[in-house]
C-alpha cells in the first residue's frame, strides 16, 4: 500500500511539473494577446483541466482509478459529472447561455462511452464490434458537429486548446482506459531521449520523402523567410505548441492511441492478419480511388497509388519482418483512413501525403507507445511549412 501511494504521489508531482510549465507558457503568450480579465477568468479551468490531462493516462493512476470505477455505475459517473460541471461552469463564467447552440450534446459525449462500458461489464481484453461501434459513435459527432458557444482558453482565442476539446479527450481516455480497460493507449507525457530521437528522425525522413514528391508535382515550393532569425524561432515554437494542443494530440489520441491500438489488438486476437490486410486493402483502395475522382484532378489516381504502396509495404514487413503479426496491418489501415478524412482539404496530393503522414505518426506510436510523441511528430510536420519557409499549392 505504501509503495502504491508513493508511485501515485510521484506521478502526480510529474503532472504538476508539466502543468506548471504549460501554465507559464500560457501566461507568457497570452499576456500580449489577451486582456488580463480574460486570462484570469480562464486560468483556473486551464490549470485544473491540464493537470487532469497530464495525469489521467499515467499507469498507476489508471490502475488505482480503474479498480475503483470499473463495473460500479455510481462511482463510474463521478468523473464524467466533474467534466460536465467544468464545461458548463466555463460557459457561464464567460456570460454565455448554456441552453443555446449545440452544447446540449455535451453530456451525451461525456457520459455515453462510460455508461456503455459499465453496462457491458466486459472483464476481458478481447475487443469486439461494440468497442469499435462506441469509438465511431463518439468520434463522428466530435469531428462533424461545430459546437458552440466557443470555449477557447482564453475565451477570445489563442494558441491553447478549448475547454470543449480538452474535456472530450479526458472523457474518451477515462471511458476507454479506466472503465473499459484498454491498455497501451499511452496518453501521458514522458521525457526520454530515445523517444525524442525517434521523433526527430521520423519527422525529417518523412519530410524529405514528402518534399521529393511534392516538389516534383509542383505541390511545394520555396517561399523563404522575411523575418529575422529570433522572431522566426519564437513563431516556430508557438506554432508547434499551438498545433500540438489544438490538432495533433486530439487526432493522435483517436487515430493512434485508440483506433490503431485497438485494431492491433483485434487482429492479434483473430490470428489472421492476412484477412484484415486483404479486406482492408481492397476497401480502402476503392475508397481512395473514389476520393480522387470526387476531387476532380489530373492526379485522381494518387491517393489510390499511395494506398497500394503502403499496403504492399505493410505486407512485406508482416511477412518477412520480425515484428508481431498485425502491427503494421493495423498501422496501414489507420494511416489510409487518416488520409481519407482529409478529403475536406480539397487537394488530391494532400490526401495522399496525409496517408503517408499517418504512417509516420503511427510508426512513432509503435516505437514509443506514447500518443504525445506521435502528436509531436504531427505538430512538427504541420509546422514544417513555417520551419523550412515553404508554400503549399492545391
Protein backbone atom coordinates (compact mmCIF):
# COMPACT_ATOMS: atom_id res chain seq x y z
CA UNK A 1 0.00 0.00 0.00
CA UNK A 2 2.86 2.39 0.88
CA UNK A 3 4.53 1.65 -2.48
CA UNK A 4 1.27 2.39 -4.34
CA UNK A 5 0.88 5.72 -2.54
CA UNK A 6 4.48 6.66 -3.32
CA UNK A 7 4.02 5.81 -7.01
CA UNK A 8 0.80 7.82 -7.18
CA UNK A 9 2.47 10.77 -5.47
CA UNK A 10 5.39 10.62 -7.91
CA UNK A 11 3.05 10.60 -10.92
CA UNK A 12 1.00 13.49 -9.55
CA UNK A 13 4.16 15.53 -8.92
CA UNK A 14 5.30 14.91 -12.51
CA UNK A 15 1.88 16.02 -13.76
CA UNK A 16 2.15 19.13 -11.61
CA UNK A 17 5.51 20.00 -13.17
CA UNK A 18 4.16 19.63 -16.72
CA UNK A 19 1.11 21.71 -15.76
CA UNK A 20 3.32 24.43 -14.29
CA UNK A 21 5.45 24.59 -17.46
CA UNK A 22 2.38 24.84 -19.69
CA UNK A 23 0.81 27.45 -17.40
CA UNK A 24 3.98 29.54 -17.66
CA UNK A 25 3.73 29.30 -21.47
CA UNK A 26 0.03 30.21 -21.26
CA UNK A 27 0.73 33.37 -19.26
CA UNK A 28 3.76 34.36 -21.34
CA UNK A 29 2.00 34.02 -24.70
CA UNK A 30 -1.45 35.27 -23.67
CA UNK A 31 -0.35 38.46 -21.88
CA UNK A 32 0.43 40.16 -25.19
CA UNK A 33 -2.68 38.95 -26.98
CA UNK A 34 -5.47 38.85 -24.40
CA UNK A 35 -6.82 41.11 -21.69
CA UNK A 36 -5.98 40.49 -18.04
CA UNK A 37 -9.63 39.72 -17.24
CA UNK A 38 -9.78 37.08 -19.98
CA UNK A 39 -6.62 35.44 -18.69
CA UNK A 40 -7.77 35.50 -15.06
CA UNK A 41 -11.21 34.04 -15.84
CA UNK A 42 -9.57 31.21 -17.78
CA UNK A 43 -6.55 30.37 -15.63
CA UNK A 44 -8.43 28.28 -13.05
CA UNK A 45 -10.02 25.99 -15.62
CA UNK A 46 -6.75 25.88 -17.57
CA UNK A 47 -4.68 24.66 -14.61
CA UNK A 48 -7.25 22.12 -13.40
CA UNK A 49 -8.03 20.66 -16.83
CA UNK A 50 -4.41 20.36 -17.88
CA UNK A 51 -3.40 18.84 -14.54
CA UNK A 52 -6.01 16.15 -15.17
CA UNK A 53 -4.86 16.00 -18.81
CA UNK A 54 -1.27 15.21 -17.77
CA UNK A 55 -2.39 12.77 -15.04
CA UNK A 56 -5.27 10.70 -16.37
CA UNK A 57 -3.31 8.29 -18.58
CA UNK A 58 -0.48 7.51 -16.18
CA UNK A 59 0.00 3.85 -15.28
CA UNK A 60 -0.53 3.88 -11.50
CA UNK A 61 -3.36 6.39 -11.70
CA UNK A 62 -5.09 4.19 -14.28
CA UNK A 63 -4.66 1.12 -12.07
CA UNK A 64 -5.98 2.91 -8.99
CA UNK A 65 -8.94 4.65 -10.62
CA UNK A 66 -9.81 1.62 -12.77
CA UNK A 67 -10.06 -0.61 -9.71
CA UNK A 68 -12.48 1.86 -8.13
CA UNK A 69 -14.82 2.61 -11.03
CA UNK A 70 -14.91 -0.45 -13.28
CA UNK A 71 -18.39 -2.09 -13.20
CA UNK A 72 -19.58 0.32 -10.49
CA UNK A 73 -22.05 2.72 -12.10
CA UNK A 74 -22.27 5.03 -9.07
CA UNK A 75 -18.52 5.60 -8.95
CA UNK A 76 -18.03 5.49 -12.71
CA UNK A 77 -20.21 8.55 -13.38
CA UNK A 78 -18.45 10.80 -10.87
CA UNK A 79 -15.59 11.79 -13.18
CA UNK A 80 -17.84 12.47 -16.23
CA UNK A 81 -20.02 14.61 -13.97
CA UNK A 82 -16.97 16.63 -12.94
CA UNK A 83 -16.18 17.20 -16.63
CA UNK A 84 -19.75 18.34 -17.32
CA UNK A 85 -19.55 20.80 -14.42
CA UNK A 86 -16.20 22.16 -15.64
CA UNK A 87 -17.54 22.62 -19.16
CA UNK A 88 -20.77 24.40 -18.23
CA UNK A 89 -19.17 26.50 -15.49
CA UNK A 90 -16.68 27.87 -18.03
CA UNK A 91 -19.54 28.88 -20.33
CA UNK A 92 -21.48 30.53 -17.51
CA UNK A 93 -18.43 32.37 -16.13
CA UNK A 94 -17.96 33.99 -19.54
CA UNK A 95 -21.58 35.14 -19.75
CA UNK A 96 -22.76 32.65 -22.36
CA UNK A 97 -26.08 30.84 -22.39
CA UNK A 98 -25.62 27.09 -21.72
CA UNK A 99 -29.02 26.41 -23.32
CA UNK A 100 -28.09 27.82 -26.72
CA UNK A 101 -26.11 26.34 -29.57
CA UNK A 102 -25.12 22.68 -29.61
CA UNK A 103 -23.97 22.34 -26.02
CA UNK A 104 -26.93 20.08 -25.26
CA UNK A 105 -24.89 17.29 -26.87
CA UNK A 106 -22.00 17.62 -24.44
CA UNK A 107 -23.50 15.39 -21.70
CA UNK A 108 -24.06 12.68 -24.34
CA UNK A 109 -20.43 12.81 -25.44
CA UNK A 110 -19.14 12.77 -21.88
CA UNK A 111 -21.43 10.11 -20.37
CA UNK A 112 -22.13 7.86 -23.39
CA UNK A 113 -18.95 5.74 -23.64
CA UNK A 114 -18.63 5.34 -19.88
CA UNK A 115 -22.24 4.17 -19.46
CA UNK A 116 -21.91 1.70 -22.35
CA UNK A 117 -18.75 0.12 -20.96
CA UNK A 118 -20.14 -0.07 -17.42
CA UNK A 119 -23.29 -1.73 -18.76
CA UNK A 120 -21.21 -4.10 -20.90
CA UNK A 121 -19.33 -5.35 -17.82
CA UNK A 122 -16.51 -6.57 -20.02
CA UNK A 123 -13.76 -8.10 -17.94
CA UNK A 124 -11.94 -9.44 -20.99
CA UNK A 125 -9.17 -7.83 -23.01
CA UNK A 126 -10.75 -9.24 -26.18
CA UNK A 127 -12.16 -6.45 -28.32
CA UNK A 128 -15.44 -6.82 -30.21
CA UNK A 129 -17.79 -4.90 -32.50
CA UNK A 130 -19.27 -2.93 -29.60
CA UNK A 131 -15.90 -1.42 -28.69
CA UNK A 132 -15.38 -0.17 -32.25
CA UNK A 133 -19.01 0.97 -32.52
CA UNK A 134 -18.64 3.09 -29.38
CA UNK A 135 -15.44 4.56 -30.81
CA UNK A 136 -17.16 5.51 -34.10
CA UNK A 137 -20.28 6.87 -32.40
CA UNK A 138 -18.05 9.02 -30.21
CA UNK A 139 -15.65 10.20 -32.91
CA UNK A 140 -18.22 11.23 -35.54
CA UNK A 141 -20.06 13.93 -33.58
CA UNK A 142 -16.80 15.32 -32.15
CA UNK A 143 -15.45 15.88 -35.67
CA UNK A 144 -18.59 16.63 -37.68
CA UNK A 145 -20.54 18.89 -35.31
CA UNK A 146 -19.49 22.51 -34.79
CA UNK A 147 -20.02 23.01 -31.07
CA UNK A 148 -20.96 26.45 -29.85
CA UNK A 149 -20.59 28.70 -27.96
CA UNK A 150 -16.80 28.79 -28.09
CA UNK A 151 -14.82 27.73 -25.04
CA UNK A 152 -11.31 28.83 -26.02
CA UNK A 153 -8.74 29.46 -23.30
CA UNK A 154 -8.55 32.48 -23.07
CA UNK A 155 -12.12 32.95 -24.24
CA UNK A 156 -11.23 35.28 -27.13
CA UNK A 157 -8.93 32.64 -28.62
CA UNK A 158 -5.24 31.99 -28.80
CA UNK A 159 -2.61 29.27 -29.03
CA UNK A 160 -4.14 26.98 -26.43
CA UNK A 161 -6.94 24.50 -26.83
CA UNK A 162 -10.57 24.92 -25.82
CA UNK A 163 -12.31 23.55 -22.75
CA UNK A 164 -14.53 21.54 -25.11
CA UNK A 165 -11.69 19.64 -26.77
CA UNK A 166 -9.80 19.01 -23.54
CA UNK A 167 -12.97 17.69 -21.90
CA UNK A 168 -13.68 15.44 -24.91
CA UNK A 169 -10.18 13.95 -24.74
CA UNK A 170 -10.42 13.40 -20.99
CA UNK A 171 -13.83 11.75 -21.35
CA UNK A 172 -12.64 9.30 -24.01
CA UNK A 173 -9.44 8.39 -22.15
CA UNK A 174 -11.42 7.80 -18.97
CA UNK A 175 -14.03 5.64 -20.72
CA UNK A 176 -11.71 3.51 -22.84
CA UNK A 177 -8.74 3.25 -20.49
CA UNK A 178 -10.15 3.40 -16.95
CA UNK A 179 -13.59 1.87 -17.46
CA UNK A 180 -13.08 -0.44 -20.46
CA UNK A 181 -9.50 -1.27 -19.52
CA UNK A 182 -7.79 -0.89 -22.91
CA UNK A 183 -4.03 -0.92 -22.47
CA UNK A 184 -1.13 0.79 -24.29
CA UNK A 185 -3.01 3.98 -25.18
CA UNK A 186 0.00 5.97 -23.97
CA UNK A 187 -1.77 9.20 -23.07
CA UNK A 188 0.80 10.76 -20.75
CA UNK A 189 3.89 12.98 -21.15
CA UNK A 190 7.27 11.39 -20.56
CA UNK A 191 10.75 12.68 -21.32
CA UNK A 192 13.03 10.08 -22.94
CA UNK A 193 15.97 10.93 -25.17
CA UNK A 194 15.41 7.75 -27.19
CA UNK A 195 11.85 8.82 -27.95
CA UNK A 196 12.95 12.34 -28.85
CA UNK A 197 15.49 10.93 -31.30
CA UNK A 198 12.79 8.73 -32.84
CA UNK A 199 10.53 11.77 -33.18
CA UNK A 200 13.19 13.87 -34.91
CA UNK A 201 14.41 11.29 -37.43
CA UNK A 202 10.88 10.15 -38.34
CA UNK A 203 9.85 13.77 -38.92
CA UNK A 204 12.89 14.57 -41.06
CA UNK A 205 12.75 11.31 -43.01
CA UNK A 206 9.04 11.83 -43.70
CA UNK A 207 9.53 15.41 -44.80
CA UNK A 208 12.40 14.58 -47.16
CA UNK A 209 10.13 11.98 -48.74
CA UNK A 210 7.20 14.40 -48.94
CA UNK A 211 9.35 17.19 -50.32
CA UNK A 212 10.62 14.97 -53.15
CA UNK A 213 7.05 14.04 -54.11
CA UNK A 214 5.57 17.50 -53.54
CA UNK A 215 8.29 19.41 -55.36
CA UNK A 216 8.14 17.07 -58.37
CA UNK A 217 4.39 17.74 -58.85
CA UNK A 218 4.54 21.48 -58.00
CA UNK A 219 2.74 20.98 -54.69
CA UNK A 220 5.59 22.50 -52.70
CA UNK A 221 7.82 25.47 -53.46
CA UNK A 222 10.28 27.58 -51.50
CA UNK A 223 8.92 30.81 -50.10
CA UNK A 224 11.73 31.72 -47.74
CA UNK A 225 11.59 33.77 -44.52
CA UNK A 226 11.04 37.50 -44.38
CA UNK A 227 11.65 37.91 -40.64
CA UNK A 228 14.99 37.80 -38.83
CA UNK A 229 16.18 34.69 -37.03
CA UNK A 230 14.97 35.35 -33.47
CA UNK A 231 11.32 36.18 -34.26
CA UNK A 232 11.18 33.15 -36.57
CA UNK A 233 12.30 30.87 -33.73
CA UNK A 234 9.58 32.30 -31.48
CA UNK A 235 6.98 31.88 -34.23
CA UNK A 236 8.07 28.28 -34.81
CA UNK A 237 7.86 27.48 -31.10
CA UNK A 238 4.38 28.97 -30.79
CA UNK A 239 3.28 27.22 -33.99
CA UNK A 240 4.46 23.79 -32.81
CA UNK A 241 2.86 24.27 -29.38
CA UNK A 242 -0.42 25.54 -30.86
CA UNK A 243 -0.72 22.72 -33.40
CA UNK A 244 0.24 20.16 -30.76
CA UNK A 245 -2.53 21.31 -28.40
CA UNK A 246 -5.19 22.27 -30.97
CA UNK A 247 -4.91 19.48 -33.52
CA UNK A 248 -2.17 16.90 -33.09
CA UNK A 249 -2.84 15.47 -29.63
CA UNK A 250 -6.58 15.21 -30.35
CA UNK A 251 -6.11 13.37 -33.66
CA UNK A 252 -3.30 11.15 -32.40
CA UNK A 253 -5.30 10.09 -29.37
CA UNK A 254 -8.19 8.96 -31.56
CA UNK A 255 -6.29 7.57 -34.52
CA UNK A 256 -3.19 6.08 -32.90
CA UNK A 257 -3.87 5.67 -29.18
CA UNK A 258 -7.32 4.21 -29.78
CA UNK A 259 -8.03 3.11 -33.37
CA UNK A 260 -4.59 1.77 -34.35
CA UNK A 261 -4.07 0.34 -30.87
CA UNK A 262 -7.47 -1.39 -30.86
CA UNK A 263 -7.02 -2.71 -34.40
CA UNK A 264 -3.62 -4.15 -33.49
CA UNK A 265 -5.14 -5.99 -30.55
CA UNK A 266 -8.16 -7.18 -32.53
CA UNK A 267 -6.00 -8.52 -35.39
CA UNK A 268 -3.75 -10.32 -32.90
CA UNK A 269 -6.79 -11.89 -31.26
CA UNK A 270 -8.11 -13.10 -34.62
CA UNK A 271 -4.81 -14.80 -35.58
CA UNK A 272 -5.50 -13.77 -39.19
CA UNK A 273 -3.64 -10.62 -40.14
CA UNK A 274 -3.78 -11.54 -43.83
CA UNK A 275 -7.58 -11.41 -43.81
CA UNK A 276 -7.54 -7.89 -42.33
CA UNK A 277 -4.81 -6.87 -44.79
CA UNK A 278 -6.72 -8.23 -47.79
CA UNK A 279 -10.15 -6.81 -46.98
CA UNK A 280 -8.80 -3.59 -45.54
CA UNK A 281 -6.67 -3.04 -48.65
CA UNK A 282 -9.50 -3.81 -51.08
CA UNK A 283 -11.97 -1.48 -49.38
CA UNK A 284 -9.51 1.37 -48.86
CA UNK A 285 -8.11 1.27 -52.40
CA UNK A 286 -11.67 1.62 -53.72
CA UNK A 287 -12.37 4.49 -51.31
CA UNK A 288 -9.09 6.16 -52.28
CA UNK A 289 -9.99 5.97 -55.98
CA UNK A 290 -13.43 7.38 -55.23
CA UNK A 291 -11.90 10.24 -53.23
CA UNK A 292 -9.57 11.06 -56.13
CA UNK A 293 -12.41 11.09 -58.66
CA UNK A 294 -14.62 13.27 -56.47
CA UNK A 295 -11.87 15.86 -56.05
CA UNK A 296 -11.54 16.02 -59.85
CA UNK A 297 -7.95 16.43 -60.86
CA UNK A 298 -5.44 15.02 -63.31
CA UNK A 299 -3.80 13.07 -60.47
CA UNK A 300 -7.02 11.42 -59.25
CA UNK A 301 -5.07 8.16 -59.01
CA UNK A 302 -2.55 9.48 -56.45
CA UNK A 303 -4.40 8.56 -53.21
CA UNK A 304 -5.05 5.04 -54.53
CA UNK A 305 -1.39 4.63 -55.56
CA UNK A 306 -0.24 5.70 -52.09
CA UNK A 307 -2.72 3.27 -50.53
CA UNK A 308 -1.46 0.36 -52.66
CA UNK A 309 2.20 1.14 -51.90
CA UNK A 310 1.55 1.44 -48.16
CA UNK A 311 -0.35 -1.85 -48.09
CA UNK A 312 2.45 -3.58 -50.01
CA UNK A 313 4.99 -2.19 -47.51
CA UNK A 314 2.88 -3.44 -44.60
CA UNK A 315 2.56 -6.88 -46.22
CA UNK A 316 6.32 -7.17 -46.73
CA UNK A 317 7.02 -6.19 -43.12
CA UNK A 318 4.37 -8.59 -41.76
CA UNK A 319 5.52 -11.46 -43.98
CA UNK A 320 9.27 -11.10 -43.69
CA UNK A 321 9.83 -8.89 -40.66
CA UNK A 322 10.28 -9.94 -37.05
CA UNK A 323 7.51 -7.75 -35.67
CA UNK A 324 4.37 -9.06 -34.01
CA UNK A 325 1.81 -10.02 -36.66
CA UNK A 326 -0.88 -7.43 -37.29
CA UNK A 327 1.05 -4.40 -36.02
CA UNK A 328 1.75 -2.96 -39.47
CA UNK A 329 -1.57 -4.09 -40.91
CA UNK A 330 -3.27 -2.01 -38.22
CA UNK A 331 -0.84 0.81 -38.97
CA UNK A 332 -1.59 0.91 -42.69
CA UNK A 333 -5.37 0.66 -42.25
CA UNK A 334 -5.33 3.53 -39.76
CA UNK A 335 -2.94 5.58 -41.92
CA UNK A 336 -5.10 5.40 -45.04
CA UNK A 337 -8.28 6.17 -43.08
CA UNK A 338 -6.44 9.15 -41.60
CA UNK A 339 -5.53 10.30 -45.11
CA UNK A 340 -9.08 9.91 -46.40
CA UNK A 341 -10.59 12.01 -43.63
CA UNK A 342 -8.51 14.88 -45.05
CA UNK A 343 -10.79 14.82 -48.08
CA UNK A 344 -12.12 18.16 -46.84
CA UNK A 345 -8.78 19.77 -47.79
CA UNK A 346 -9.85 19.63 -51.45
CA UNK A 347 -6.35 18.61 -52.52
CA UNK A 348 -5.71 15.20 -54.10
CA UNK A 349 -1.99 15.44 -53.29
CA UNK A 350 -2.69 16.39 -49.69
CA UNK A 351 -4.90 13.33 -49.12
CA UNK A 352 -2.16 11.01 -50.35
CA UNK A 353 0.52 12.76 -48.33
CA UNK A 354 -1.73 12.68 -45.24
CA UNK A 355 -1.84 8.88 -45.56
CA UNK A 356 1.95 8.81 -45.63
CA UNK A 357 1.94 11.19 -42.67
CA UNK A 358 -0.40 8.81 -40.86
CA UNK A 359 2.20 6.08 -41.37
CA UNK A 360 4.90 8.32 -39.84
CA UNK A 361 2.76 9.18 -36.81
CA UNK A 362 1.66 5.57 -36.37
CA UNK A 363 5.23 4.30 -36.67
CA UNK A 364 6.29 6.75 -33.94
CA UNK A 365 3.45 5.44 -31.78
CA UNK A 366 4.60 1.85 -32.35
CA UNK A 367 8.16 2.71 -31.29
CA UNK A 368 7.25 4.87 -28.29
CA UNK A 369 3.84 3.52 -27.26
CA UNK A 370 3.06 7.13 -26.47
CA UNK A 371 0.47 9.42 -28.06
CA UNK A 372 2.38 12.55 -27.05
CA UNK A 373 5.39 11.69 -29.24
CA UNK A 374 3.18 10.79 -32.20
CA UNK A 375 1.50 14.17 -31.69
CA UNK A 376 4.88 15.90 -31.56
CA UNK A 377 5.84 14.45 -34.96
CA UNK A 378 2.40 15.56 -36.21
CA UNK A 379 2.94 19.09 -34.89
CA UNK A 380 6.43 19.29 -36.43
CA UNK A 381 5.09 18.10 -39.79
CA UNK A 382 2.28 20.65 -39.74
CA UNK A 383 4.78 23.38 -38.78
CA UNK A 384 7.31 22.39 -41.46
CA UNK A 385 5.88 24.93 -43.87
CA UNK A 386 6.96 27.68 -41.45
CA UNK A 387 10.17 25.96 -40.32
CA UNK A 388 11.54 25.45 -43.84
CA UNK A 389 9.94 28.51 -45.45
CA UNK A 390 7.73 26.56 -47.87
CA UNK A 391 4.47 27.24 -49.69
CA UNK A 392 1.85 24.59 -50.45
CA UNK A 393 -0.12 24.64 -53.65
CA UNK A 394 -3.51 22.99 -54.18
